[in-house]
Structures are given as C-alpha cells and as structure tokens.
C-alpha atoms as a PDB file:
ATOM      1  CA  MET A   1      71.301  38.700  40.396  1.00  0.00           C
ATOM      2  CA  GLY A   2      68.626  36.586  42.065  1.00  0.00           C
ATOM      3  CA  ALA A   3      69.042  33.359  43.986  1.00  0.00           C
ATOM      4  CA  VAL A   4      70.848  30.647  42.016  1.00  0.00           C
ATOM      5  CA  ILE A   5      70.475  28.134  44.868  1.00  0.00           C
ATOM      6  CA  ARG A   6      67.438  28.167  47.121  1.00  0.00           C
ATOM      7  CA  THR A   7      66.254  25.572  49.589  1.00  0.00           C
ATOM      8  CA  GLU A   8      63.040  25.613  51.583  1.00  0.00           C
ATOM      9  CA  SER A   9      62.933  23.506  54.771  1.00  0.00           C
ATOM     10  CA  LEU A  10      65.047  20.913  52.985  1.00  0.00           C
ATOM     11  CA  GLY A  11      65.481  17.727  54.994  1.00  0.00           C
ATOM     12  CA  LYS A  12      66.650  14.170  54.513  1.00  0.00           C
ATOM     13  CA  THR A  13      66.092  11.132  56.737  1.00  0.00           C
ATOM     14  CA  TYR A  14      67.374   7.779  55.513  1.00  0.00           C
ATOM     15  CA  ARG A  15      65.540   4.490  55.870  1.00  0.00           C
ATOM     16  CA  ARG A  16      67.608   3.401  58.820  1.00  0.00           C
ATOM     17  CA  GLY A  17      66.209   6.401  60.705  1.00  0.00           C
ATOM     18  CA  VAL A  18      69.301   8.619  60.520  1.00  0.00           C
ATOM     19  CA  THR A  19      68.440  12.270  59.862  1.00  0.00           C
ATOM     20  CA  ALA A  20      71.303  13.743  57.845  1.00  0.00           C
ATOM     21  CA  LEU A  21      69.754  17.141  57.156  1.00  0.00           C
ATOM     22  CA  ARG A  22      67.151  19.037  59.150  1.00  0.00           C
ATOM     23  CA  SER A  23      65.069  21.777  57.526  1.00  0.00           C
ATOM     24  CA  LEU A  24      67.776  23.627  55.573  1.00  0.00           C
ATOM     25  CA  ASP A  25      66.791  27.125  54.440  1.00  0.00           C
ATOM     26  CA  LEU A  26      69.495  28.669  52.307  1.00  0.00           C
ATOM     27  CA  GLU A  27      69.908  31.159  49.464  1.00  0.00           C
ATOM     28  CA  VAL A  28      73.022  31.638  47.356  1.00  0.00           C
ATOM     29  CA  SER A  29      72.997  34.620  45.022  1.00  0.00           C
ATOM     30  CA  GLY A  30      74.210  34.732  41.455  1.00  0.00           C
ATOM     31  CA  GLY A  31      77.864  35.651  41.021  1.00  0.00           C
ATOM     32  CA  GLU A  32      78.993  34.876  44.575  1.00  0.00           C
ATOM     33  CA  VAL A  33      81.425  32.319  45.961  1.00  0.00           C
ATOM     34  CA  PHE A  34      79.753  30.554  48.868  1.00  0.00           C
ATOM     35  CA  GLY A  35      81.574  28.316  51.345  1.00  0.00           C
ATOM     36  CA  PHE A  36      79.559  25.443  52.820  1.00  0.00           C
ATOM     37  CA  LEU A  37      81.316  24.255  55.966  1.00  0.00           C
ATOM     38  CA  GLY A  38      80.786  21.729  58.706  1.00  0.00           C
ATOM     39  CA  PRO A  39      82.408  18.833  60.557  1.00  0.00           C
ATOM     40  CA  ASN A  40      82.345  15.311  59.171  1.00  0.00           C
ATOM     41  CA  GLY A  41      78.812  13.964  59.310  1.00  0.00           C
ATOM     42  CA  ALA A  42      77.227  17.429  59.433  1.00  0.00           C
ATOM     43  CA  GLY A  43      75.135  16.779  56.306  1.00  0.00           C
ATOM     44  CA  LYS A  44      77.137  18.742  53.720  1.00  0.00           C
ATOM     45  CA  SER A  45      77.388  15.976  51.121  1.00  0.00           C
ATOM     46  CA  THR A  46      73.732  15.062  51.655  1.00  0.00           C
ATOM     47  CA  ALA A  47      72.763  18.677  50.934  1.00  0.00           C
ATOM     48  CA  ILE A  48      74.901  18.688  47.775  1.00  0.00           C
ATOM     49  CA  HIS A  49      73.377  15.396  46.572  1.00  0.00           C
ATOM     50  CA  LEU A  50      69.902  16.858  47.125  1.00  0.00           C
ATOM     51  CA  LEU A  51      70.820  19.964  45.113  1.00  0.00           C
ATOM     52  CA  LEU A  52      72.012  17.750  42.266  1.00  0.00           C
ATOM     53  CA  ASP A  53      68.920  15.499  42.507  1.00  0.00           C
ATOM     54  CA  PHE A  54      71.038  12.429  43.154  1.00  0.00           C
ATOM     55  CA  ILE A  55      68.713  11.706  46.075  1.00  0.00           C
ATOM     56  CA  ARG A  56      65.244  12.987  46.898  1.00  0.00           C
ATOM     57  CA  PRO A  57      64.370  14.946  50.053  1.00  0.00           C
ATOM     58  CA  SER A  58      62.228  13.614  52.865  1.00  0.00           C
ATOM     59  CA  GLU A  59      60.763  17.077  53.231  1.00  0.00           C
ATOM     60  CA  GLY A  60      61.049  20.546  51.736  1.00  0.00           C
ATOM     61  CA  ALA A  61      62.291  21.544  48.299  1.00  0.00           C
ATOM     62  CA  ALA A  62      65.407  22.716  46.456  1.00  0.00           C
ATOM     63  CA  PHE A  63      65.678  25.018  43.443  1.00  0.00           C
ATOM     64  CA  LEU A  64      68.464  25.914  41.009  1.00  0.00           C
ATOM     65  CA  PHE A  65      67.954  29.068  38.957  1.00  0.00           C
ATOM     66  CA  GLY A  66      64.382  29.166  40.263  1.00  0.00           C
ATOM     67  CA  VAL A  67      63.594  25.723  38.847  1.00  0.00           C
ATOM     68  CA  PRO A  68      63.066  22.550  40.940  1.00  0.00           C
ATOM     69  CA  THR A  69      66.218  20.441  40.953  1.00  0.00           C
ATOM     70  CA  SER A  70      64.234  17.500  39.584  1.00  0.00           C
ATOM     71  CA  ARG A  71      64.040  19.273  36.190  1.00  0.00           C
ATOM     72  CA  SER A  72      66.840  17.809  34.109  1.00  0.00           C
ATOM     73  CA  ARG A  73      67.328  20.966  32.026  1.00  0.00           C
ATOM     74  CA  VAL A  74      69.018  22.786  34.911  1.00  0.00           C
ATOM     75  CA  ARG A  75      71.907  20.308  34.881  1.00  0.00           C
ATOM     76  CA  ARG A  76      73.290  21.782  31.648  1.00  0.00           C
ATOM     77  CA  ARG A  77      74.101  24.904  33.652  1.00  0.00           C
ATOM     78  CA  VAL A  78      75.964  23.085  36.449  1.00  0.00           C
ATOM     79  CA  GLY A  79      79.558  21.871  36.782  1.00  0.00           C
ATOM     80  CA  TYR A  80      80.254  19.415  39.599  1.00  0.00           C
ATOM     81  CA  VAL A  81      83.299  17.937  41.335  1.00  0.00           C
ATOM     82  CA  PRO A  82      82.412  15.142  43.813  1.00  0.00           C
ATOM     83  CA  GLU A  83      84.171  14.481  47.090  1.00  0.00           C
ATOM     84  CA  THR A  84      85.501  11.180  45.737  1.00  0.00           C
ATOM     85  CA  VAL A  85      86.624  11.418  42.115  1.00  0.00           C
ATOM     86  CA  ARG A  86      85.823   8.383  39.972  1.00  0.00           C
ATOM     87  CA  LEU A  87      86.489   8.771  36.261  1.00  0.00           C
ATOM     88  CA  PRO A  88      86.355   6.063  33.546  1.00  0.00           C
ATOM     89  CA  ARG A  89      89.924   4.780  33.367  1.00  0.00           C
ATOM     90  CA  TYR A  90      89.630   3.671  29.726  1.00  0.00           C
ATOM     91  CA  TYR A  91      89.477   7.301  28.504  1.00  0.00           C
ATOM     92  CA  THR A  92      92.369   9.615  27.823  1.00  0.00           C
ATOM     93  CA  ALA A  93      92.199  13.042  29.462  1.00  0.00           C
ATOM     94  CA  ARG A  94      91.624  14.758  26.125  1.00  0.00           C
ATOM     95  CA  GLY A  95      89.004  12.230  25.090  1.00  0.00           C
ATOM     96  CA  LEU A  96      87.091  12.636  28.356  1.00  0.00           C
ATOM     97  CA  LEU A  97      87.093  16.428  28.162  1.00  0.00           C
ATOM     98  CA  GLU A  98      85.961  16.439  24.541  1.00  0.00           C
ATOM     99  CA  PHE A  99      83.196  13.969  25.401  1.00  0.00           C
ATOM    100  CA  GLN A 100      82.096  16.152  28.330  1.00  0.00           C
ATOM    101  CA  ALA A 101      82.086  19.249  26.114  1.00  0.00           C
ATOM    102  CA  GLY A 102      79.990  17.384  23.562  1.00  0.00           C
ATOM    103  CA  LEU A 103      77.427  16.501  26.247  1.00  0.00           C
ATOM    104  CA  ALA A 104      77.183  20.219  26.973  1.00  0.00           C
ATOM    105  CA  GLY A 105      76.320  20.905  23.340  1.00  0.00           C
ATOM    106  CA  ILE A 106      79.683  22.361  22.339  1.00  0.00           C
ATOM    107  CA  GLY A 107      80.570  21.554  18.741  1.00  0.00           C
ATOM    108  CA  TRP A 108      83.827  21.204  16.840  1.00  0.00           C
ATOM    109  CA  PRO A 109      86.354  22.842  16.707  1.00  0.00           C
ATOM    110  CA  GLU A 110      85.435  24.725  19.908  1.00  0.00           C
ATOM    111  CA  ARG A 111      85.242  21.428  21.767  1.00  0.00           C
ATOM    112  CA  ALA A 112      88.869  20.596  20.950  1.00  0.00           C
ATOM    113  CA  ARG A 113      90.023  24.139  21.681  1.00  0.00           C
ATOM    114  CA  ARG A 114      88.460  24.145  25.143  1.00  0.00           C
ATOM    115  CA  ALA A 115      89.873  20.711  25.959  1.00  0.00           C
ATOM    116  CA  SER A 116      93.381  21.898  25.040  1.00  0.00           C
ATOM    117  CA  ARG A 117      92.968  25.044  27.104  1.00  0.00           C
ATOM    118  CA  MET A 118      91.797  23.171  30.206  1.00  0.00           C
ATOM    119  CA  LEU A 119      94.583  20.589  29.910  1.00  0.00           C
ATOM    120  CA  GLU A 120      97.145  23.368  29.673  1.00  0.00           C
ATOM    121  CA  THR A 121      95.558  25.394  32.474  1.00  0.00           C
ATOM    122  CA  LEU A 122      95.538  22.490  34.923  1.00  0.00           C
ATOM    123  CA  GLY A 123      98.982  21.179  34.029  1.00  0.00           C
ATOM    124  CA  LEU A 124      97.837  18.042  32.222  1.00  0.00           C
ATOM    125  CA  ALA A 125      98.869  18.842  28.640  1.00  0.00           C
ATOM    126  CA  HIS A 126     101.884  16.532  28.887  1.00  0.00           C
ATOM    127  CA  ALA A 127      99.573  13.596  29.734  1.00  0.00           C
ATOM    128  CA  ALA A 128      96.650  14.493  27.458  1.00  0.00           C
ATOM    129  CA  GLY A 129      96.872  11.239  25.496  1.00  0.00           C
ATOM    130  CA  ARG A 130      97.531   8.963  28.444  1.00  0.00           C
ATOM    131  CA  LEU A 131      94.844   6.588  29.721  1.00  0.00           C
ATOM    132  CA  LEU A 132      93.392   7.673  33.053  1.00  0.00           C
ATOM    133  CA  SER A 133      94.339   4.286  34.509  1.00  0.00           C
ATOM    134  CA  GLY A 134      97.884   5.682  34.669  1.00  0.00           C
ATOM    135  CA  TYR A 135      96.925   8.915  36.394  1.00  0.00           C
ATOM    136  CA  SER A 136      97.804   9.756  39.998  1.00  0.00           C
ATOM    137  CA  LYS A 137      95.149  10.904  42.481  1.00  0.00           C
ATOM    138  CA  GLY A 138      96.255  14.511  42.099  1.00  0.00           C
ATOM    139  CA  MET A 139      96.054  14.310  38.295  1.00  0.00           C
ATOM    140  CA  LEU A 140      92.560  12.798  38.482  1.00  0.00           C
ATOM    141  CA  GLN A 141      91.494  15.591  40.830  1.00  0.00           C
ATOM    142  CA  ARG A 142      92.737  18.211  38.359  1.00  0.00           C
ATOM    143  CA  LEU A 143      90.961  16.450  35.505  1.00  0.00           C
ATOM    144  CA  ALA A 144      87.713  16.414  37.486  1.00  0.00           C
ATOM    145  CA  LEU A 145      88.034  20.187  37.862  1.00  0.00           C
ATOM    146  CA  ALA A 146      88.727  20.547  34.146  1.00  0.00           C
ATOM    147  CA  GLN A 147      85.622  18.479  33.379  1.00  0.00           C
ATOM    148  CA  ALA A 148      83.506  20.703  35.637  1.00  0.00           C
ATOM    149  CA  LEU A 149      84.853  23.914  34.103  1.00  0.00           C
ATOM    150  CA  ILE A 150      85.011  23.058  30.403  1.00  0.00           C
ATOM    151  CA  ALA A 151      81.447  24.121  29.540  1.00  0.00           C
ATOM    152  CA  GLU A 152      81.821  27.392  31.499  1.00  0.00           C
ATOM    153  CA  PRO A 153      78.769  26.567  33.636  1.00  0.00           C
ATOM    154  CA  ASP A 154      76.666  29.167  35.423  1.00  0.00           C
ATOM    155  CA  LEU A 155      76.982  27.227  38.680  1.00  0.00           C
ATOM    156  CA  LEU A 156      79.916  25.239  40.053  1.00  0.00           C
ATOM    157  CA  ILE A 157      79.219  22.833  42.915  1.00  0.00           C
ATOM    158  CA  LEU A 158      82.508  21.624  44.332  1.00  0.00           C
ATOM    159  CA  ASP A 159      82.898  19.076  47.131  1.00  0.00           C
ATOM    160  CA  GLU A 160      86.514  19.147  48.396  1.00  0.00           C
ATOM    161  CA  PRO A 161      87.880  20.428  45.050  1.00  0.00           C
ATOM    162  CA  THR A 162      91.498  20.842  46.196  1.00  0.00           C
ATOM    163  CA  PHE A 163      91.803  17.434  47.868  1.00  0.00           C
ATOM    164  CA  ASN A 164      95.030  15.670  46.770  1.00  0.00           C
ATOM    165  CA  LEU A 165      96.441  18.891  45.290  1.00  0.00           C
ATOM    166  CA  ASP A 166      99.769  20.466  46.192  1.00  0.00           C
ATOM    167  CA  PRO A 167      99.933  24.092  47.462  1.00  0.00           C
ATOM    168  CA  GLN A 168     100.906  25.528  44.063  1.00  0.00           C
ATOM    169  CA  MET A 169      97.952  23.871  42.333  1.00  0.00           C
ATOM    170  CA  ARG A 170      95.603  24.906  45.140  1.00  0.00           C
ATOM    171  CA  LYS A 171      96.577  28.508  44.492  1.00  0.00           C
ATOM    172  CA  HIS A 172      95.954  27.973  40.787  1.00  0.00           C
ATOM    173  CA  VAL A 173      92.515  26.495  41.480  1.00  0.00           C
ATOM    174  CA  ARG A 174      91.633  29.510  43.645  1.00  0.00           C
ATOM    175  CA  ASP A 175      92.497  31.732  40.699  1.00  0.00           C
ATOM    176  CA  LEU A 176      90.293  29.631  38.397  1.00  0.00           C
ATOM    177  CA  LEU A 177      87.345  29.946  40.786  1.00  0.00           C
ATOM    178  CA  LEU A 178      87.774  33.706  40.973  1.00  0.00           C
ATOM    179  CA  GLU A 179      87.995  33.770  37.181  1.00  0.00           C
ATOM    180  CA  ALA A 180      84.688  31.865  37.003  1.00  0.00           C
ATOM    181  CA  LYS A 181      83.148  34.371  39.393  1.00  0.00           C
ATOM    182  CA  GLY A 182      84.489  37.180  37.217  1.00  0.00           C
ATOM    183  CA  ARG A 183      82.490  35.932  34.241  1.00  0.00           C
ATOM    184  CA  GLY A 184      79.350  35.825  36.404  1.00  0.00           C
ATOM    185  CA  ALA A 185      79.314  32.198  37.572  1.00  0.00           C
ATOM    186  CA  THR A 186      78.212  31.172  41.053  1.00  0.00           C
ATOM    187  CA  VAL A 187      80.534  28.911  43.033  1.00  0.00           C
ATOM    188  CA  PHE A 188      79.281  26.672  45.861  1.00  0.00           C
ATOM    189  CA  ILE A 189      82.236  25.076  47.583  1.00  0.00           C
ATOM    190  CA  SER A 190      82.476  22.597  50.458  1.00  0.00           C
ATOM    191  CA  SER A 191      85.961  22.102  51.862  1.00  0.00           C
ATOM    192  CA  HIS A 192      87.809  21.057  55.002  1.00  0.00           C
ATOM    193  CA  ILE A 193      90.665  23.408  54.082  1.00  0.00           C
ATOM    194  CA  LEU A 194      89.354  26.522  55.806  1.00  0.00           C
ATOM    195  CA  SER A 195      92.190  28.758  54.608  1.00  0.00           C
ATOM    196  CA  GLU A 196      91.160  27.998  51.009  1.00  0.00           C
ATOM    197  CA  VAL A 197      87.551  28.923  51.735  1.00  0.00           C
ATOM    198  CA  GLU A 198      88.624  32.074  53.557  1.00  0.00           C
ATOM    199  CA  ALA A 199      90.692  33.167  50.552  1.00  0.00           C
ATOM    200  CA  VAL A 200      87.903  32.996  47.947  1.00  0.00           C
ATOM    201  CA  CYS A 201      84.458  33.060  49.560  1.00  0.00           C
ATOM    202  CA  ASP A 202      82.141  36.049  49.751  1.00  0.00           C
ATOM    203  CA  ARG A 203      79.949  34.329  52.345  1.00  0.00           C
ATOM    204  CA  VAL A 204      80.033  31.095  54.306  1.00  0.00           C
ATOM    205  CA  GLY A 205      77.440  28.877  55.944  1.00  0.00           C
ATOM    206  CA  ILE A 206      78.310  26.618  58.883  1.00  0.00           C
ATOM    207  CA  LEU A 207      76.384  23.358  59.161  1.00  0.00           C
ATOM    208  CA  ALA A 208      76.432  21.103  62.223  1.00  0.00           C
ATOM    209  CA  ASP A 209      74.216  18.126  63.109  1.00  0.00           C
ATOM    210  CA  GLY A 210      72.147  18.745  59.986  1.00  0.00           C
ATOM    211  CA  VAL A 211      71.337  22.324  61.044  1.00  0.00           C
ATOM    212  CA  LEU A 212      72.628  25.548  59.487  1.00  0.00           C
ATOM    213  CA  ARG A 213      74.147  27.361  62.462  1.00  0.00           C
ATOM    214  CA  ARG A 214      75.351  30.609  60.871  1.00  0.00           C
ATOM    215  CA  VAL A 215      75.433  32.290  57.461  1.00  0.00           C
ATOM    216  CA  GLY A 216      77.199  35.496  56.511  1.00  0.00           C
ATOM    217  CA  THR A 217      80.366  37.225  55.428  1.00  0.00           C
ATOM    218  CA  LEU A 218      83.469  36.722  57.522  1.00  0.00           C
ATOM    219  CA  ALA A 219      82.995  40.255  58.846  1.00  0.00           C
ATOM    220  CA  ASP A 220      79.412  39.436  59.847  1.00  0.00           C
ATOM    221  CA  LEU A 221      80.392  36.211  61.561  1.00  0.00           C
ATOM    222  CA  SER A 222      83.236  37.935  63.419  1.00  0.00           C
ATOM    223  CA  ALA A 223      80.861  40.507  64.892  1.00  0.00           C
ATOM    224  CA  GLY A 224      80.603  40.211  68.636  1.00  0.00           C
ATOM    225  CA  GLY A 225      83.783  38.182  68.711  1.00  0.00           C
ATOM    226  CA  ARG A 226      87.053  38.879  70.449  1.00  0.00           C
ATOM    227  CA  SER A 227      88.393  42.203  71.670  1.00  0.00           C
ATOM    228  CA  GLU A 228      91.474  43.589  73.421  1.00  0.00           C
ATOM    229  CA  ILE A 229      91.307  46.148  76.208  1.00  0.00           C
ATOM    230  CA  VAL A 230      94.469  48.191  76.790  1.00  0.00           C
ATOM    231  CA  VAL A 231      94.917  49.564  80.306  1.00  0.00           C
ATOM    232  CA  ARG A 232      97.481  52.263  81.053  1.00  0.00           C
ATOM    233  CA  GLU A 233      98.060  51.190  84.668  1.00  0.00           C
ATOM    234  CA  LEU A 234      96.654  47.990  86.086  1.00  0.00           C
ATOM    235  CA  PRO A 235      96.442  47.928  89.898  1.00  0.00           C
ATOM    236  CA  PRO A 236      97.736  44.696  91.478  1.00  0.00           C
ATOM    237  CA  THR A 237      94.348  44.080  93.068  1.00  0.00           C
ATOM    238  CA  ALA A 238      92.709  44.112  89.644  1.00  0.00           C
ATOM    239  CA  ILE A 239      94.997  41.346  88.353  1.00  0.00           C
ATOM    240  CA  GLU A 240      93.590  38.863  90.852  1.00  0.00           C
ATOM    241  CA  ALA A 241      90.019  39.981  90.153  1.00  0.00           C
ATOM    242  CA  LEU A 242      90.546  39.585  86.397  1.00  0.00           C
ATOM    243  CA  SER A 243      91.655  35.963  86.832  1.00  0.00           C
ATOM    244  CA  VAL A 244      88.094  35.108  87.842  1.00  0.00           C
ATOM    245  CA  THR A 245      86.758  36.371  84.488  1.00  0.00           C
ATOM    246  CA  GLY A 246      88.935  33.943  82.506  1.00  0.00           C
ATOM    247  CA  ALA A 247      90.287  36.759  80.318  1.00  0.00           C
ATOM    248  CA  ARG A 248      93.948  36.566  79.269  1.00  0.00           C
ATOM    249  CA  VAL A 249      96.112  39.340  80.728  1.00  0.00           C
ATOM    250  CA  VAL A 250      99.490  40.297  79.226  1.00  0.00           C
ATOM    251  CA  LEU A 251     101.534  42.685  81.371  1.00  0.00           C
ATOM    252  CA  ASN A 252     104.166  45.126  80.127  1.00  0.00           C
ATOM    253  CA  GLY A 253     105.304  46.882  83.262  1.00  0.00           C
ATOM    254  CA  ARG A 254     102.178  48.496  84.723  1.00  0.00           C
ATOM    255  CA  LYS A 255     100.516  48.561  81.307  1.00  0.00           C
ATOM    256  CA  ALA A 256      98.281  45.603  80.414  1.00  0.00           C
ATOM    257  CA  THR A 257      96.492  44.139  77.399  1.00  0.00           C
ATOM    258  CA  ILE A 258      93.440  42.052  78.258  1.00  0.00           C
ATOM    259  CA  ALA A 259      92.088  39.663  75.616  1.00  0.00           C
ATOM    260  CA  CYS A 260      88.343  39.037  75.846  1.00  0.00           C
ATOM    261  CA  ASP A 261      86.401  36.213  74.174  1.00  0.00           C
ATOM    262  CA  GLY A 262      83.038  37.729  73.320  1.00  0.00           C
ATOM    263  CA  PRO A 263      80.914  40.647  74.543  1.00  0.00           C
ATOM    264  CA  ASP A 264      79.879  38.988  77.823  1.00  0.00           C
ATOM    265  CA  GLN A 265      83.455  38.534  78.951  1.00  0.00           C
ATOM    266  CA  GLU A 266      84.342  42.046  77.799  1.00  0.00           C
ATOM    267  CA  ALA A 267      81.509  43.495  79.899  1.00  0.00           C
ATOM    268  CA  GLU A 268      82.717  41.508  82.931  1.00  0.00           C
ATOM    269  CA  VAL A 269      86.289  42.732  82.457  1.00  0.00           C
ATOM    270  CA  ARG A 270      85.157  46.345  82.109  1.00  0.00           C
ATOM    271  CA  SER A 271      83.213  46.014  85.343  1.00  0.00           C
ATOM    272  CA  VAL A 272      86.300  44.711  87.184  1.00  0.00           C
ATOM    273  CA  LEU A 273      88.467  47.498  85.776  1.00  0.00           C
ATOM    274  CA  GLU A 274      85.959  50.168  86.719  1.00  0.00           C
ATOM    275  CA  ALA A 275      85.667  48.827  90.262  1.00  0.00           C
ATOM    276  CA  GLY A 276      89.474  48.825  90.563  1.00  0.00           C
ATOM    277  CA  GLY A 277      89.859  52.348  89.198  1.00  0.00           C
ATOM    278  CA  ALA A 278      91.910  51.244  86.190  1.00  0.00           C
ATOM    279  CA  ALA A 279      92.041  53.657  83.245  1.00  0.00           C
ATOM    280  CA  VAL A 280      91.131  52.083  79.901  1.00  0.00           C
ATOM    281  CA  GLU A 281      93.365  53.487  77.179  1.00  0.00           C
ATOM    282  CA  ALA A 282      91.878  51.719  74.146  1.00  0.00           C
ATOM    283  CA  VAL A 283      89.625  48.877  73.024  1.00  0.00           C
ATOM    284  CA  HIS A 284      90.421  47.014  69.798  1.00  0.00           C
ATOM    285  CA  ALA A 285      88.349  44.434  67.953  1.00  0.00           C
ATOM    286  CA  ARG A 286      90.341  41.278  67.225  1.00  0.00           C
ATOM    287  CA  PRO A 287      89.523  39.919  63.760  1.00  0.00           C
ATOM    288  CA  GLN A 288      88.856  36.190  63.868  1.00  0.00           C
ATOM    289  CA  SER A 289      90.069  33.649  61.376  1.00  0.00           C
ATOM    290  CA  LEU A 290      87.543  31.377  59.738  1.00  0.00           C
ATOM    291  CA  GLU A 291      88.926  28.527  61.843  1.00  0.00           C
ATOM    292  CA  GLU A 292      88.166  30.460  65.038  1.00  0.00           C
ATOM    293  CA  ILE A 293      84.651  31.269  63.826  1.00  0.00           C
ATOM    294  CA  PHE A 294      84.092  27.638  62.858  1.00  0.00           C
ATOM    295  CA  LEU A 295      85.260  26.269  66.212  1.00  0.00           C
ATOM    296  CA  ARG A 296      83.146  28.830  68.046  1.00  0.00           C
ATOM    297  CA  GLU A 297      80.052  27.503  66.279  1.00  0.00           C
ATOM    298  CA  VAL A 298      80.619  23.735  66.317  1.00  0.00           C
ATOM    299  CA  GLY A 299      83.009  23.278  69.243  1.00  0.00           C
ATOM    300  CA  PRO A 300      86.727  22.344  69.357  1.00  0.00           C
ATOM    301  CA  GLU A 301      86.016  18.599  69.467  1.00  0.00           C
ATOM    302  CA  ALA A 302      84.658  18.626  65.887  1.00  0.00           C
ATOM    303  CA  GLY A 303      86.928  18.854  62.859  1.00  0.00           C
ATOM    304  CA  PRO A 304      85.962  20.903  59.776  1.00  0.00           C
END
C-alpha cells in the first residue's frame, strides 16, 4: 500500500510566537500500526490536529490518502479518539453509536447491529441505555473507542486511547487495534504508555521540541545500541582502566561481563582489553526496550 499519512515540511507557530511543530516530514504506510511518541509539549497533539484539519499549518502541507487534509471527503475514512474525551452527556451509549454510524452512511439494520457489537466488545452492553452523564471516565474512554471503530475506518488516529483503562481493557484494546490492522486499516497512535506502543506498533517516530528525532522499527532504532562483552579472564590492571570508560563491569571470579552503552564506548572498552591482553570470549547485542530508546533520544529529564 502507499502512504496513508504524508506530511511535507509541516510546521505550526501560534500567534503568541510559540512554535509547536517544526518542519515535520513523515510517511505512514497503509496497513501499519505507527506509534507517535514524545514528551509533553513535543508537538504530538498539534501534529494530530493538523492531520485532522482542526487547525491550519503555518507552513508545509499534510495529506491523507494522497488528498490534502482540508478536503472534507477524507474524514469519512478516519476514526479519531482525542486525548481528552468529551461526549454529549444527553445521549445514551447506543444512541450515540447509532448516530455516529448514521453519519458514516451506514443504514438500518446494519447500524443497530454494529452498535450492539461494539457495546458488547468494549464491555458496555450492560449500560447501553444509560445516559452518558452517568458514565465513569473509563466507560467514556471505551465509548470513544467504540465511536471511532464503528464505521470500520481505513485510518484510526488515536491520542492516548488507553487512558483511564484498566490493564484487562488495555489488552482488549490492543487486540482490537491488531484486528483493525488485519482488515487493512492503518493505525496512528500517540501514547505515554510505551509498553502498549511496543506491543502493537510496526514502526515508531520520536518527536521532541517539535522535531522528529528518529523513525523506524524497534530493531532499527536499537541498532548501534548496547552490547555486552564477555571476557574469559580479566587482569586486575584492566579493571581499573575500564573504570575510566564508564562501562559497567560484573565479575564472576576471573570472568567478567562488561556492559557498553553504544558503539563508541564499546570501541573504548575493546581498546582497553586489547592493551591489557584480555581474551574476549563473546560479544552480545543487548536489545533495548522502547523506553530505553525513547530516553536515549529525548533525555532522562523528559517524560514520554
């Protein structure tokens, strides 16, 4: 499939002079689950609002399905869950879902069938006839997901979709997103819960200070990351020399495992070992979690 989301030098500066997004160039392919990550204030929500044409860019352009986002016809193909869920409290859950399905052009009785299915799927069937004014935050979050999914859109744009959900429901939502991908939909998800993103995403992009720092699969982003060097016998003189490199040394008798953070530190450690006559037994790549990759890009002082 081609690009479902494409931005060209997309930027946004607000009237008060704050630049929220700087020249974003991004492509998201059809049928993939893409994680859009960054610390608070990075520009994630601004980028999402630009994609949905809620606000207009200061520079550049954004396209959905190859069409400028300003064209209203593309919105029929998009399901959206905002960061802060606000639903009309005078509706019942069933009434809201049937109304949403009607807006998508779904007629009776399919409209009613889909509403019942979504209510059952997201654990809201027991409260289908209750006014939303009596719903908890978690129930409203689930209903927002149901509303986004009911028309089986080609693109799902989700801003913190599992916020306010318990672990069991988070797992269920992950399954729903993978199900949407299985029928060919594209999922664009922004979340602070990095383990959730890691579990479902094919690729991730890391945004910081309005700039896209890295894009790729987890394997791509881990490349050049951490490694472990196993040494059969580590001379005492080498232990002191290794302390200067900052590498972490774990001793087991004369045998040692040396943890290196990045290729530069690994090269420095190898040089020390060679100078000390230490025999390297093995070198292992250490897979990094998404949290480690994230912190490497934006720094430990910034939250996701």
